[in-house]
Amino acid sequence: MFPDFSAVTPLQWTLVGAVVALCFSFSAWTILDVWKRDFESPNEKVLWMQFCIFIPIFGSLAYLSIGRKRSTKRG
């Protein structure tokens, strides 16, 4: 029923951990970027935040390609 994880080498575990950490970092960075920017309406900001949280990789890619152009940086 469960796969045999003892066959996985330490190098493979390291690679899996690195990929997971990279994906998490990318999503966290886009969530923080949404937080720091101003949009035309607060609803648009909430929508991009939800995309980045609930659909992490695809939502982040969509935000970078579409949403970031529609916002202005605060400060």
Protein backbone atom coordinates (compact mmCIF):
# COMPACT_ATOMS: atom_id res chain seq x y z
CA MET A 1 0.00 0.00 0.00
CA PHE A 2 2.75 2.47 0.90
CA PRO A 3 5.88 2.80 -1.21
CA ASP A 4 9.21 1.76 0.22
CA PHE A 5 10.93 5.01 1.14
CA SER A 6 14.08 3.21 2.27
CA ALA A 7 15.09 2.97 -1.40
CA VAL A 8 15.35 6.75 -1.67
CA THR A 9 18.92 8.00 -1.33
CA PRO A 10 19.94 11.00 0.79
CA LEU A 11 20.80 12.90 -2.40
CA GLN A 12 17.27 12.34 -3.72
CA TRP A 13 15.79 13.55 -0.41
CA THR A 14 17.99 16.64 -0.65
CA LEU A 15 16.83 17.37 -4.19
CA VAL A 16 13.18 16.95 -3.21
CA GLY A 17 13.68 19.25 -0.22
CA ALA A 18 15.42 21.85 -2.39
CA VAL A 19 12.59 21.84 -4.96
CA VAL A 20 9.96 22.18 -2.21
CA ALA A 21 11.91 25.02 -0.57
CA LEU A 22 12.29 26.78 -3.94
CA CYS A 23 8.55 26.54 -4.69
CA PHE A 24 7.67 27.75 -1.18
CA SER A 25 10.10 30.68 -1.43
CA PHE A 26 8.73 31.70 -4.83
CA SER A 27 5.14 31.66 -3.57
CA ALA A 28 6.04 33.51 -0.36
CA TRP A 29 7.89 36.18 -2.35
CA THR A 30 4.89 36.82 -4.63
CA ILE A 31 2.51 36.96 -1.65
CA LEU A 32 4.73 39.59 -0.02
CA ASP A 33 4.97 41.49 -3.30
CA VAL A 34 1.17 41.61 -3.58
CA TRP A 35 1.01 42.85 0.01
CA LYS A 36 3.46 45.71 -0.68
CA ARG A 37 1.75 47.03 -3.83
CA ASP A 38 -1.30 49.18 -4.45
CA PHE A 39 -4.02 48.16 -6.90
CA GLU A 40 -6.94 50.03 -8.43
CA SER A 41 -9.30 48.42 -5.92
CA PRO A 42 -8.85 46.52 -2.67
CA ASN A 43 -10.82 43.62 -4.18
CA GLU A 44 -8.18 43.14 -6.87
CA LYS A 45 -5.48 42.93 -4.21
CA VAL A 46 -7.48 40.33 -2.28
CA LEU A 47 -8.06 38.34 -5.46
CA TRP A 48 -4.35 38.21 -6.33
CA MET A 49 -3.53 37.28 -2.75
CA GLN A 50 -6.01 34.40 -2.88
CA PHE A 51 -4.62 33.19 -6.21
CA CYS A 52 -1.09 33.17 -4.80
CA ILE A 53 -2.14 31.36 -1.62
CA PHE A 54 -4.58 28.76 -2.92
CA ILE A 55 -2.95 28.02 -6.30
CA PRO A 56 0.69 28.60 -5.30
CA ILE A 57 2.83 28.11 -8.41
CA PHE A 58 0.29 28.92 -11.13
CA GLY A 59 -1.19 31.82 -9.15
CA SER A 60 2.26 33.28 -8.59
CA LEU A 61 3.16 32.96 -12.26
CA ALA A 62 -0.13 34.59 -13.26
CA TYR A 63 0.47 37.43 -10.82
CA LEU A 64 3.97 38.06 -12.18
CA SER A 65 2.81 38.02 -15.79
CA ILE A 66 -0.48 39.94 -15.39
CA GLY A 67 -1.08 41.39 -11.93
CA ARG A 68 2.25 43.05 -11.29
CA LYS A 69 1.78 45.28 -14.35
CA ARG A 70 -1.60 46.42 -13.02
CA SER A 71 -0.18 47.61 -9.69
CA THR A 72 2.00 50.41 -8.39
CA LYS A 73 4.71 50.12 -5.78
CA ARG A 74 4.04 51.83 -2.48
CA GLY A 75 6.49 54.19 -0.95
